Amino acid sequence: MRADEKASDEQIMAIFEETQNAAETGRRLGIATKSVTERLDRRGIPRRTYRELEHRICPMCGSAFQAVKSRKQMTCSKKCAGAARWKNRPRRDPSPVNGHARNRTNTGYILVWAPGHPYRHRRVGRVLEHRLVMEQHLGRYLEPHETVHHINGIRDDNRLENLELRIGAHGQGATAKHCPTCTCFDH
């Protein structure tokens, strides 16, 4: 005689009524959970589901779908979830120079969208914002050998009064003050 045959249907029903859990019923009777669920199904007794479903409407496509009540699922599919993430993505501050979105580089400089600029990054179409500010002030494009220095050393402070036009490279490699107004080394 198999272990699951030693428990009668009446015993299984009685314990299941009390526990409402097929696994616990099987443990108490010393039989497999699958045996309990098969007997419940044979008798037409509905098993309790741990997931309560609720009806929701997808905000992206408007279709109705069912979702587990305890989950934060807001859309009907991965496609709609991706569209929702794109729609609700954080917006970047527009640049005061040309009104397009600004991106910060990993070195702290600000890049601005400038697709028609002769010295733009070819693939990305962006230019360093401090160079654009200086170009607008001078009324011409800067030459590749010209650099713009941030007087206070803060790379995203692109106010005209904080920028200084230089000929040749300057930067962190300098070991002493390299201009009368420089505060790069004052810490």
N, C-alpha and C. Protein backbone atom coordinates (compact mmCIF):
# COMPACT_ATOMS: atom_id res chain seq x y z
N MET A 1 0.84 -1.18 0.00
CA MET A 1 0.00 0.00 0.00
C MET A 1 0.89 1.25 0.00
N ARG A 2 0.58 2.18 -0.93
CA ARG A 2 1.39 3.40 -1.05
C ARG A 2 1.06 4.34 0.11
N ALA A 3 2.00 5.26 0.39
CA ALA A 3 1.83 6.16 1.53
C ALA A 3 0.61 7.07 1.35
N ASP A 4 0.35 7.52 0.10
CA ASP A 4 -0.77 8.42 -0.11
C ASP A 4 -2.11 7.70 -0.07
N GLU A 5 -2.11 6.35 -0.15
CA GLU A 5 -3.37 5.61 -0.07
C GLU A 5 -3.79 5.38 1.37
N LYS A 6 -2.85 5.55 2.32
CA LYS A 6 -3.21 5.31 3.71
C LYS A 6 -4.07 6.44 4.29
N ALA A 7 -4.09 7.59 3.62
CA ALA A 7 -4.95 8.68 4.07
C ALA A 7 -6.23 8.67 3.25
N SER A 8 -7.34 8.67 3.93
CA SER A 8 -8.61 8.65 3.21
C SER A 8 -8.95 10.06 2.72
N ASP A 9 -9.86 10.09 1.76
CA ASP A 9 -10.30 11.39 1.24
C ASP A 9 -10.91 12.23 2.36
N GLU A 10 -11.62 11.59 3.28
CA GLU A 10 -12.26 12.32 4.37
C GLU A 10 -11.23 12.96 5.29
N GLN A 11 -10.12 12.23 5.56
CA GLN A 11 -9.05 12.80 6.38
C GLN A 11 -8.43 14.01 5.68
N ILE A 12 -8.17 13.84 4.39
CA ILE A 12 -7.57 14.94 3.61
C ILE A 12 -8.50 16.16 3.62
N MET A 13 -9.81 15.92 3.41
CA MET A 13 -10.76 17.04 3.38
C MET A 13 -10.82 17.73 4.74
N ALA A 14 -10.81 16.97 5.79
CA ALA A 14 -10.92 17.54 7.14
C ALA A 14 -9.72 18.44 7.46
N ILE A 15 -8.53 17.93 7.17
CA ILE A 15 -7.34 18.73 7.47
C ILE A 15 -7.23 19.92 6.52
N PHE A 16 -7.62 19.71 5.25
CA PHE A 16 -7.56 20.83 4.30
C PHE A 16 -8.54 21.93 4.69
N GLU A 17 -9.72 21.55 5.21
CA GLU A 17 -10.70 22.56 5.67
C GLU A 17 -10.07 23.42 6.77
N GLU A 18 -9.30 22.78 7.62
CA GLU A 18 -8.68 23.48 8.74
C GLU A 18 -7.52 24.36 8.29
N THR A 19 -6.63 23.82 7.44
CA THR A 19 -5.40 24.54 7.07
C THR A 19 -5.54 25.39 5.83
N GLN A 20 -6.41 24.98 4.89
CA GLN A 20 -6.55 25.66 3.60
C GLN A 20 -5.22 25.70 2.84
N ASN A 21 -4.40 24.65 3.10
CA ASN A 21 -3.08 24.62 2.50
C ASN A 21 -2.74 23.17 2.17
N ALA A 22 -2.56 22.87 0.89
CA ALA A 22 -2.29 21.50 0.45
C ALA A 22 -0.95 20.99 0.97
N ALA A 23 0.06 21.84 1.02
CA ALA A 23 1.37 21.42 1.50
C ALA A 23 1.32 21.06 2.98
N GLU A 24 0.64 21.90 3.77
CA GLU A 24 0.51 21.61 5.21
C GLU A 24 -0.32 20.36 5.45
N THR A 25 -1.36 20.16 4.65
CA THR A 25 -2.18 18.96 4.75
C THR A 25 -1.34 17.72 4.49
N GLY A 26 -0.53 17.77 3.43
CA GLY A 26 0.34 16.65 3.11
C GLY A 26 1.35 16.37 4.20
N ARG A 27 1.91 17.42 4.80
CA ARG A 27 2.89 17.25 5.87
C ARG A 27 2.25 16.56 7.08
N ARG A 28 1.06 16.99 7.44
CA ARG A 28 0.39 16.41 8.62
C ARG A 28 0.05 14.94 8.41
N LEU A 29 -0.30 14.57 7.18
CA LEU A 29 -0.69 13.19 6.91
C LEU A 29 0.48 12.32 6.44
N GLY A 30 1.62 12.94 6.19
CA GLY A 30 2.79 12.20 5.73
C GLY A 30 2.68 11.76 4.28
N ILE A 31 2.01 12.56 3.46
CA ILE A 31 1.87 12.24 2.03
C ILE A 31 2.33 13.44 1.20
N ALA A 32 2.53 13.21 -0.07
CA ALA A 32 3.03 14.25 -0.96
C ALA A 32 1.96 15.32 -1.22
N THR A 33 2.40 16.55 -1.40
CA THR A 33 1.49 17.65 -1.71
C THR A 33 0.73 17.38 -3.00
N LYS A 34 1.41 16.80 -3.96
CA LYS A 34 0.77 16.50 -5.24
C LYS A 34 -0.40 15.54 -5.07
N SER A 35 -0.26 14.57 -4.16
CA SER A 35 -1.36 13.64 -3.89
C SER A 35 -2.56 14.37 -3.31
N VAL A 36 -2.29 15.33 -2.44
CA VAL A 36 -3.38 16.11 -1.85
C VAL A 36 -4.08 16.93 -2.93
N THR A 37 -3.31 17.61 -3.77
CA THR A 37 -3.93 18.45 -4.80
C THR A 37 -4.70 17.62 -5.82
N GLU A 38 -4.18 16.43 -6.14
CA GLU A 38 -4.91 15.56 -7.08
C GLU A 38 -6.24 15.14 -6.49
N ARG A 39 -6.27 14.79 -5.23
CA ARG A 39 -7.53 14.38 -4.61
C ARG A 39 -8.50 15.54 -4.50
N LEU A 40 -7.98 16.73 -4.19
CA LEU A 40 -8.85 17.91 -4.14
C LEU A 40 -9.45 18.19 -5.51
N ASP A 41 -8.62 18.09 -6.55
CA ASP A 41 -9.10 18.34 -7.91
C ASP A 41 -10.14 17.30 -8.32
N ARG A 42 -9.92 16.01 -7.93
CA ARG A 42 -10.86 14.95 -8.27
C ARG A 42 -12.23 15.19 -7.65
N ARG A 43 -12.22 15.77 -6.47
CA ARG A 43 -13.49 16.04 -5.80
C ARG A 43 -14.07 17.39 -6.17
N GLY A 44 -13.33 18.16 -6.96
CA GLY A 44 -13.83 19.47 -7.39
C GLY A 44 -13.74 20.54 -6.33
N ILE A 45 -12.85 20.39 -5.39
CA ILE A 45 -12.69 21.38 -4.32
C ILE A 45 -11.68 22.42 -4.77
N PRO A 46 -12.10 23.68 -4.81
CA PRO A 46 -11.15 24.72 -5.25
C PRO A 46 -10.07 24.94 -4.21
N ARG A 47 -8.87 25.07 -4.71
CA ARG A 47 -7.75 25.36 -3.82
C ARG A 47 -7.58 26.86 -3.71
N ARG A 48 -7.13 27.29 -2.56
CA ARG A 48 -6.92 28.72 -2.35
C ARG A 48 -5.70 29.16 -3.15
N THR A 49 -5.81 30.26 -3.83
CA THR A 49 -4.65 30.80 -4.54
C THR A 49 -4.01 31.86 -3.65
N TYR A 50 -2.72 31.89 -3.66
CA TYR A 50 -2.00 32.86 -2.84
C TYR A 50 -1.95 34.22 -3.52
N ARG A 51 -2.20 34.22 -4.81
CA ARG A 51 -2.14 35.47 -5.55
C ARG A 51 -3.56 35.94 -5.85
N GLU A 52 -3.88 37.10 -5.35
CA GLU A 52 -5.17 37.68 -5.68
C GLU A 52 -4.96 38.56 -6.90
N LEU A 53 -5.71 38.31 -7.94
CA LEU A 53 -5.59 39.09 -9.17
C LEU A 53 -6.58 40.23 -9.16
N GLU A 54 -6.20 41.31 -9.79
CA GLU A 54 -7.12 42.43 -9.96
C GLU A 54 -7.04 42.93 -11.39
N HIS A 55 -8.12 43.52 -11.84
CA HIS A 55 -8.18 44.03 -13.20
C HIS A 55 -7.63 45.45 -13.23
N ARG A 56 -6.79 45.70 -14.21
CA ARG A 56 -6.19 47.03 -14.38
C ARG A 56 -6.27 47.43 -15.84
N ILE A 57 -6.10 48.72 -16.10
CA ILE A 57 -6.07 49.26 -17.45
C ILE A 57 -4.67 49.79 -17.71
N CYS A 58 -4.08 49.37 -18.82
CA CYS A 58 -2.73 49.81 -19.19
C CYS A 58 -2.77 51.30 -19.57
N PRO A 59 -1.95 52.15 -18.94
CA PRO A 59 -1.95 53.58 -19.27
C PRO A 59 -1.35 53.88 -20.65
N MET A 60 -0.58 52.94 -21.19
CA MET A 60 0.07 53.20 -22.47
C MET A 60 -0.82 52.84 -23.65
N CYS A 61 -1.45 51.66 -23.61
CA CYS A 61 -2.25 51.23 -24.78
C CYS A 61 -3.74 51.17 -24.48
N GLY A 62 -4.14 51.26 -23.21
CA GLY A 62 -5.55 51.28 -22.86
C GLY A 62 -6.20 49.91 -22.76
N SER A 63 -5.44 48.83 -22.92
CA SER A 63 -6.04 47.50 -22.86
C SER A 63 -6.18 47.05 -21.41
N ALA A 64 -7.18 46.19 -21.17
CA ALA A 64 -7.41 45.64 -19.83
C ALA A 64 -6.49 44.43 -19.64
N PHE A 65 -6.00 44.26 -18.40
CA PHE A 65 -5.17 43.11 -18.09
C PHE A 65 -5.33 42.77 -16.62
N GLN A 66 -4.93 41.56 -16.25
CA GLN A 66 -4.97 41.14 -14.86
C GLN A 66 -3.56 41.15 -14.30
N ALA A 67 -3.44 41.61 -13.06
CA ALA A 67 -2.14 41.66 -12.40
C ALA A 67 -2.31 41.18 -10.97
N VAL A 68 -1.25 40.64 -10.41
CA VAL A 68 -1.26 40.23 -9.01
C VAL A 68 -1.42 41.49 -8.17
N LYS A 69 -2.37 41.44 -7.24
CA LYS A 69 -2.74 42.62 -6.46
C LYS A 69 -1.55 43.23 -5.70
N SER A 70 -0.67 42.38 -5.19
CA SER A 70 0.43 42.87 -4.36
C SER A 70 1.59 43.44 -5.18
N ARG A 71 1.58 43.26 -6.49
CA ARG A 71 2.69 43.74 -7.32
C ARG A 71 2.42 45.14 -7.85
N LYS A 72 3.49 45.80 -8.25
CA LYS A 72 3.39 47.17 -8.75
C LYS A 72 3.28 47.22 -10.27
N GLN A 73 2.90 46.12 -10.88
CA GLN A 73 2.82 46.06 -12.34
C GLN A 73 1.77 47.07 -12.82
N MET A 74 2.21 48.03 -13.63
CA MET A 74 1.31 49.08 -14.07
C MET A 74 0.94 48.97 -15.55
N THR A 75 1.66 48.15 -16.30
CA THR A 75 1.40 48.04 -17.74
C THR A 75 1.11 46.59 -18.10
N CYS A 76 0.54 46.39 -19.29
CA CYS A 76 0.12 45.05 -19.71
C CYS A 76 1.26 44.19 -20.28
N SER A 77 2.35 44.80 -20.73
CA SER A 77 3.41 44.03 -21.38
C SER A 77 4.76 44.71 -21.20
N LYS A 78 5.81 44.00 -21.59
CA LYS A 78 7.16 44.58 -21.53
C LYS A 78 7.29 45.75 -22.50
N LYS A 79 6.61 45.64 -23.64
CA LYS A 79 6.66 46.72 -24.63
C LYS A 79 6.08 48.00 -24.04
N CYS A 80 4.91 47.89 -23.41
CA CYS A 80 4.29 49.07 -22.79
C CYS A 80 5.10 49.57 -21.60
N ALA A 81 5.74 48.65 -20.86
CA ALA A 81 6.58 49.07 -19.72
C ALA A 81 7.77 49.89 -20.22
N GLY A 82 8.38 49.46 -21.34
CA GLY A 82 9.49 50.22 -21.91
C GLY A 82 9.04 51.59 -22.39
N ALA A 83 7.86 51.64 -23.01
CA ALA A 83 7.33 52.92 -23.48
C ALA A 83 7.03 53.85 -22.31
N ALA A 84 6.53 53.29 -21.21
CA ALA A 84 6.24 54.09 -20.03
C ALA A 84 7.51 54.64 -19.41
N ARG A 85 8.58 53.79 -19.35
CA ARG A 85 9.86 54.28 -18.82
C ARG A 85 10.40 55.41 -19.67
N TRP A 86 10.28 55.28 -20.99
CA TRP A 86 10.77 56.32 -21.89
C TRP A 86 9.96 57.60 -21.72
N LYS A 87 8.64 57.46 -21.59
CA LYS A 87 7.77 58.62 -21.45
C LYS A 87 8.04 59.34 -20.12
N ASN A 88 8.32 58.58 -19.06
CA ASN A 88 8.48 59.16 -17.73
C ASN A 88 9.94 59.34 -17.33
N ARG A 89 10.86 59.28 -18.29
CA ARG A 89 12.28 59.44 -17.97
C ARG A 89 12.55 60.84 -17.44
N PRO A 90 13.57 60.99 -16.61
CA PRO A 90 13.88 62.32 -16.10
C PRO A 90 14.38 63.22 -17.23
N ARG A 91 13.87 64.41 -17.28
CA ARG A 91 14.27 65.37 -18.31
C ARG A 91 15.50 66.15 -17.82
N ARG A 92 16.36 66.46 -18.75
CA ARG A 92 17.54 67.23 -18.40
C ARG A 92 17.23 68.72 -18.53
N ASP A 93 17.96 69.50 -17.77
CA ASP A 93 17.77 70.95 -17.85
C ASP A 93 18.18 71.44 -19.23
N PRO A 94 17.38 72.35 -19.82
CA PRO A 94 17.81 72.90 -21.10
C PRO A 94 19.00 73.83 -20.92
N SER A 95 19.84 73.86 -21.91
CA SER A 95 21.01 74.73 -21.87
C SER A 95 20.59 76.17 -22.06
N PRO A 96 21.18 77.11 -21.31
CA PRO A 96 20.88 78.52 -21.54
C PRO A 96 21.45 79.01 -22.87
N VAL A 97 22.38 78.22 -23.45
CA VAL A 97 23.01 78.64 -24.70
C VAL A 97 22.09 78.41 -25.90
N ASN A 98 21.58 77.18 -26.05
CA ASN A 98 20.76 76.91 -27.24
C ASN A 98 19.44 76.20 -26.92
N GLY A 99 19.11 76.02 -25.65
CA GLY A 99 17.82 75.46 -25.27
C GLY A 99 17.71 73.94 -25.38
N HIS A 100 18.76 73.26 -25.85
CA HIS A 100 18.72 71.81 -25.96
C HIS A 100 19.16 71.17 -24.65
N ALA A 101 18.93 69.86 -24.53
CA ALA A 101 19.27 69.13 -23.31
C ALA A 101 20.77 69.14 -23.06
N ARG A 102 21.12 69.14 -21.78
CA ARG A 102 22.51 69.14 -21.37
C ARG A 102 22.86 67.76 -20.81
N ASN A 103 24.05 67.29 -21.09
CA ASN A 103 24.57 66.05 -20.52
C ASN A 103 25.87 66.36 -19.82
N ARG A 104 26.10 65.67 -18.72
CA ARG A 104 27.35 65.85 -17.98
C ARG A 104 28.30 64.72 -18.36
N THR A 105 29.55 65.06 -18.67
CA THR A 105 30.54 64.03 -18.96
C THR A 105 31.04 63.45 -17.65
N ASN A 106 31.76 62.33 -17.73
CA ASN A 106 32.28 61.72 -16.50
C ASN A 106 33.41 62.55 -15.89
N THR A 107 33.90 63.56 -16.60
CA THR A 107 34.92 64.45 -16.04
C THR A 107 34.31 65.75 -15.52
N GLY A 108 32.99 65.90 -15.60
CA GLY A 108 32.32 67.05 -15.00
C GLY A 108 31.96 68.18 -15.93
N TYR A 109 32.32 68.10 -17.21
CA TYR A 109 31.96 69.14 -18.16
C TYR A 109 30.55 68.91 -18.70
N ILE A 110 29.94 69.96 -19.22
CA ILE A 110 28.59 69.87 -19.77
C ILE A 110 28.67 69.82 -21.29
N LEU A 111 27.96 68.84 -21.88
CA LEU A 111 27.85 68.73 -23.34
C LEU A 111 26.48 69.21 -23.77
N VAL A 112 26.44 69.93 -24.90
CA VAL A 112 25.19 70.47 -25.43
C VAL A 112 25.04 70.03 -26.88
N TRP A 113 23.82 69.74 -27.28
CA TRP A 113 23.50 69.33 -28.64
C TRP A 113 23.75 70.48 -29.59
N ALA A 114 24.63 70.30 -30.57
CA ALA A 114 24.94 71.32 -31.56
C ALA A 114 25.31 70.62 -32.87
N PRO A 115 24.31 70.08 -33.60
CA PRO A 115 24.61 69.25 -34.77
C PRO A 115 25.31 69.98 -35.91
N GLY A 116 25.17 71.29 -36.01
CA GLY A 116 25.80 72.01 -37.12
C GLY A 116 27.15 72.62 -36.79
N HIS A 117 27.64 72.39 -35.61
CA HIS A 117 28.90 72.99 -35.17
C HIS A 117 30.07 72.31 -35.87
N PRO A 118 31.05 73.08 -36.35
CA PRO A 118 32.17 72.45 -37.08
C PRO A 118 33.08 71.60 -36.19
N TYR A 119 33.10 71.83 -34.90
CA TYR A 119 33.96 71.07 -34.01
C TYR A 119 33.16 70.15 -33.08
N ARG A 120 31.96 69.78 -33.50
CA ARG A 120 31.14 68.88 -32.68
C ARG A 120 31.74 67.49 -32.68
N HIS A 121 31.34 66.72 -31.70
CA HIS A 121 31.72 65.30 -31.69
C HIS A 121 30.96 64.64 -32.82
N ARG A 122 31.64 64.03 -33.75
CA ARG A 122 31.03 63.54 -35.01
C ARG A 122 29.86 62.58 -34.78
N ARG A 123 30.05 61.61 -33.88
CA ARG A 123 29.02 60.60 -33.69
C ARG A 123 27.85 61.11 -32.86
N VAL A 124 28.15 61.90 -31.86
CA VAL A 124 27.13 62.32 -30.90
C VAL A 124 26.50 63.66 -31.26
N GLY A 125 27.23 64.53 -31.95
CA GLY A 125 26.70 65.84 -32.33
C GLY A 125 26.65 66.83 -31.19
N ARG A 126 27.53 66.68 -30.21
CA ARG A 126 27.52 67.57 -29.05
C ARG A 126 28.84 68.34 -28.94
N VAL A 127 28.78 69.48 -28.25
CA VAL A 127 29.93 70.35 -28.04
C VAL A 127 29.97 70.72 -26.57
N LEU A 128 31.16 70.95 -26.04
CA LEU A 128 31.29 71.39 -24.65
C LEU A 128 30.64 72.77 -24.50
N GLU A 129 29.79 72.92 -23.50
CA GLU A 129 29.00 74.14 -23.34
C GLU A 129 29.87 75.36 -23.09
N HIS A 130 30.95 75.22 -22.33
CA HIS A 130 31.78 76.40 -22.04
C HIS A 130 32.42 76.95 -23.31
N ARG A 131 32.70 76.08 -24.28
CA ARG A 131 33.23 76.56 -25.56
C ARG A 131 32.15 77.34 -26.33
N LEU A 132 30.90 76.84 -26.29
CA LEU A 132 29.81 77.56 -26.97
C LEU A 132 29.56 78.94 -26.36
N VAL A 133 29.63 79.02 -25.02
CA VAL A 133 29.43 80.31 -24.35
C VAL A 133 30.50 81.30 -24.80
N MET A 134 31.74 80.85 -24.85
CA MET A 134 32.83 81.74 -25.27
C MET A 134 32.68 82.11 -26.74
N GLU A 135 32.27 81.16 -27.59
CA GLU A 135 32.07 81.46 -29.01
C GLU A 135 30.96 82.49 -29.21
N GLN A 136 29.89 82.38 -28.46
CA GLN A 136 28.82 83.36 -28.60
C GLN A 136 29.29 84.74 -28.15
N HIS A 137 30.10 84.78 -27.12
CA HIS A 137 30.63 86.06 -26.65
C HIS A 137 31.57 86.70 -27.68
N LEU A 138 32.43 85.89 -28.29
CA LEU A 138 33.38 86.40 -29.27
C LEU A 138 32.75 86.61 -30.66
N GLY A 139 31.66 85.91 -30.93
CA GLY A 139 31.02 86.01 -32.23
C GLY A 139 31.72 85.21 -33.32
N ARG A 140 32.49 84.20 -32.92
CA ARG A 140 33.19 83.35 -33.89
C ARG A 140 33.42 81.98 -33.26
N TYR A 141 33.75 81.00 -34.11
CA TYR A 141 34.10 79.68 -33.60
C TYR A 141 35.49 79.74 -33.00
N LEU A 142 35.72 78.96 -31.95
CA LEU A 142 37.06 78.86 -31.38
C LEU A 142 37.90 77.94 -32.24
N GLU A 143 39.17 78.25 -32.32
CA GLU A 143 40.11 77.39 -33.04
C GLU A 143 40.45 76.18 -32.17
N PRO A 144 40.85 75.08 -32.78
CA PRO A 144 41.17 73.89 -31.99
C PRO A 144 42.28 74.12 -30.96
N HIS A 145 43.21 75.05 -31.22
CA HIS A 145 44.30 75.28 -30.26
C HIS A 145 43.88 76.21 -29.12
N GLU A 146 42.71 76.84 -29.22
CA GLU A 146 42.23 77.72 -28.16
C GLU A 146 41.45 76.88 -27.13
N THR A 147 41.67 77.20 -25.87
CA THR A 147 40.95 76.50 -24.80
C THR A 147 40.25 77.51 -23.93
N VAL A 148 39.26 77.04 -23.22
CA VAL A 148 38.50 77.90 -22.31
C VAL A 148 38.75 77.39 -20.90
N HIS A 149 39.19 78.29 -20.03
CA HIS A 149 39.54 77.96 -18.66
C HIS A 149 38.42 78.38 -17.72
N HIS A 150 38.06 77.51 -16.79
CA HIS A 150 37.10 77.86 -15.74
C HIS A 150 37.90 78.49 -14.60
N ILE A 151 37.69 79.76 -14.34
CA ILE A 151 38.50 80.50 -13.37
C ILE A 151 38.37 79.91 -11.98
N ASN A 152 37.14 79.57 -11.56
CA ASN A 152 36.95 79.06 -10.21
C ASN A 152 37.20 77.55 -10.12
N GLY A 153 37.54 76.90 -11.23
CA GLY A 153 37.85 75.48 -11.24
C GLY A 153 36.64 74.56 -11.26
N ILE A 154 35.43 75.12 -11.25
CA ILE A 154 34.21 74.31 -11.28
C ILE A 154 33.81 74.11 -12.74
N ARG A 155 33.88 72.87 -13.19
CA ARG A 155 33.75 72.58 -14.62
C ARG A 155 32.35 72.76 -15.19
N ASP A 156 31.34 72.77 -14.35
CA ASP A 156 29.99 72.97 -14.89
C ASP A 156 29.47 74.39 -14.64
N ASP A 157 30.33 75.29 -14.15
CA ASP A 157 29.97 76.69 -13.97
C ASP A 157 30.37 77.44 -15.24
N ASN A 158 29.43 77.53 -16.18
CA ASN A 158 29.74 78.07 -17.50
C ASN A 158 29.25 79.51 -17.69
N ARG A 159 29.23 80.27 -16.62
CA ARG A 159 28.91 81.69 -16.73
C ARG A 159 30.08 82.40 -17.41
N LEU A 160 29.79 83.39 -18.23
CA LEU A 160 30.84 84.09 -18.98
C LEU A 160 31.88 84.69 -18.05
N GLU A 161 31.46 85.23 -16.90
CA GLU A 161 32.42 85.85 -15.98
C GLU A 161 33.35 84.82 -15.32
N ASN A 162 33.03 83.54 -15.45
CA ASN A 162 33.89 82.49 -14.90
C ASN A 162 34.78 81.86 -15.96
N LEU A 163 34.67 82.30 -17.22
CA LEU A 163 35.42 81.69 -18.31
C LEU A 163 36.52 82.61 -18.80
N GLU A 164 37.63 82.02 -19.21
CA GLU A 164 38.77 82.78 -19.70
C GLU A 164 39.34 82.06 -20.92
N LEU A 165 39.53 82.80 -22.00
CA LEU A 165 40.07 82.21 -23.23
C LEU A 165 41.58 82.07 -23.10
N ARG A 166 42.10 80.91 -23.47
CA ARG A 166 43.53 80.64 -23.40
C ARG A 166 44.02 80.16 -24.76
N ILE A 167 45.27 80.38 -25.02
CA ILE A 167 45.93 79.82 -26.19
C ILE A 167 46.76 78.65 -25.68
N GLY A 168 46.55 77.48 -26.24
CA GLY A 168 47.28 76.29 -25.81
C GLY A 168 46.59 75.59 -24.66
N ALA A 169 47.14 74.45 -24.31
CA ALA A 169 46.54 73.61 -23.29
C ALA A 169 46.82 74.16 -21.90
N HIS A 170 45.90 73.89 -21.00
CA HIS A 170 46.08 74.16 -19.59
C HIS A 170 45.30 73.08 -18.86
N GLY A 171 45.50 72.92 -17.60
CA GLY A 171 44.71 71.91 -16.91
C GLY A 171 45.37 71.39 -15.67
N GLN A 172 45.04 70.16 -15.31
CA GLN A 172 45.48 69.60 -14.04
C GLN A 172 46.97 69.34 -14.00
N GLY A 173 47.63 69.29 -15.15
CA GLY A 173 49.06 69.03 -15.16
C GLY A 173 49.87 70.19 -14.64
N ALA A 174 49.28 71.37 -14.52
CA ALA A 174 50.01 72.53 -14.04
C ALA A 174 50.32 72.36 -12.55
N THR A 175 51.49 72.83 -12.14
CA THR A 175 51.89 72.67 -10.74
C THR A 175 51.88 73.98 -9.98
N ALA A 176 51.72 75.09 -10.66
CA ALA A 176 51.67 76.39 -10.00
C ALA A 176 50.58 77.21 -10.66
N LYS A 177 50.27 78.35 -10.04
CA LYS A 177 49.26 79.21 -10.66
C LYS A 177 49.73 79.61 -12.04
N HIS A 178 48.85 79.44 -13.02
CA HIS A 178 49.24 79.69 -14.39
C HIS A 178 48.59 80.94 -14.96
N CYS A 179 47.84 81.66 -14.14
CA CYS A 179 47.30 82.96 -14.56
C CYS A 179 46.99 83.76 -13.31
N PRO A 180 46.93 85.08 -13.42
CA PRO A 180 46.72 85.90 -12.22
C PRO A 180 45.35 85.66 -11.57
N THR A 181 44.37 85.26 -12.38
CA THR A 181 43.02 85.10 -11.82
C THR A 181 42.71 83.66 -11.42
N CYS A 182 43.63 82.72 -11.64
CA CYS A 182 43.35 81.30 -11.44
C CYS A 182 43.21 80.97 -9.96
N THR A 183 42.21 80.17 -9.65
CA THR A 183 42.01 79.67 -8.28
C THR A 183 41.98 78.15 -8.24
N CYS A 184 42.54 77.52 -9.28
CA CYS A 184 42.52 76.06 -9.38
C CYS A 184 43.21 75.39 -8.19
N PHE A 185 44.24 76.01 -7.62
CA PHE A 185 45.04 75.37 -6.60
C PHE A 185 44.71 75.88 -5.21
N ASP A 186 43.69 76.73 -5.08
CA ASP A 186 43.30 77.24 -3.75
C ASP A 186 42.31 76.27 -3.14
N HIS A 187 42.78 75.45 -2.23
CA HIS A 187 41.88 74.49 -1.57
C HIS A 187 42.05 74.55 -0.08
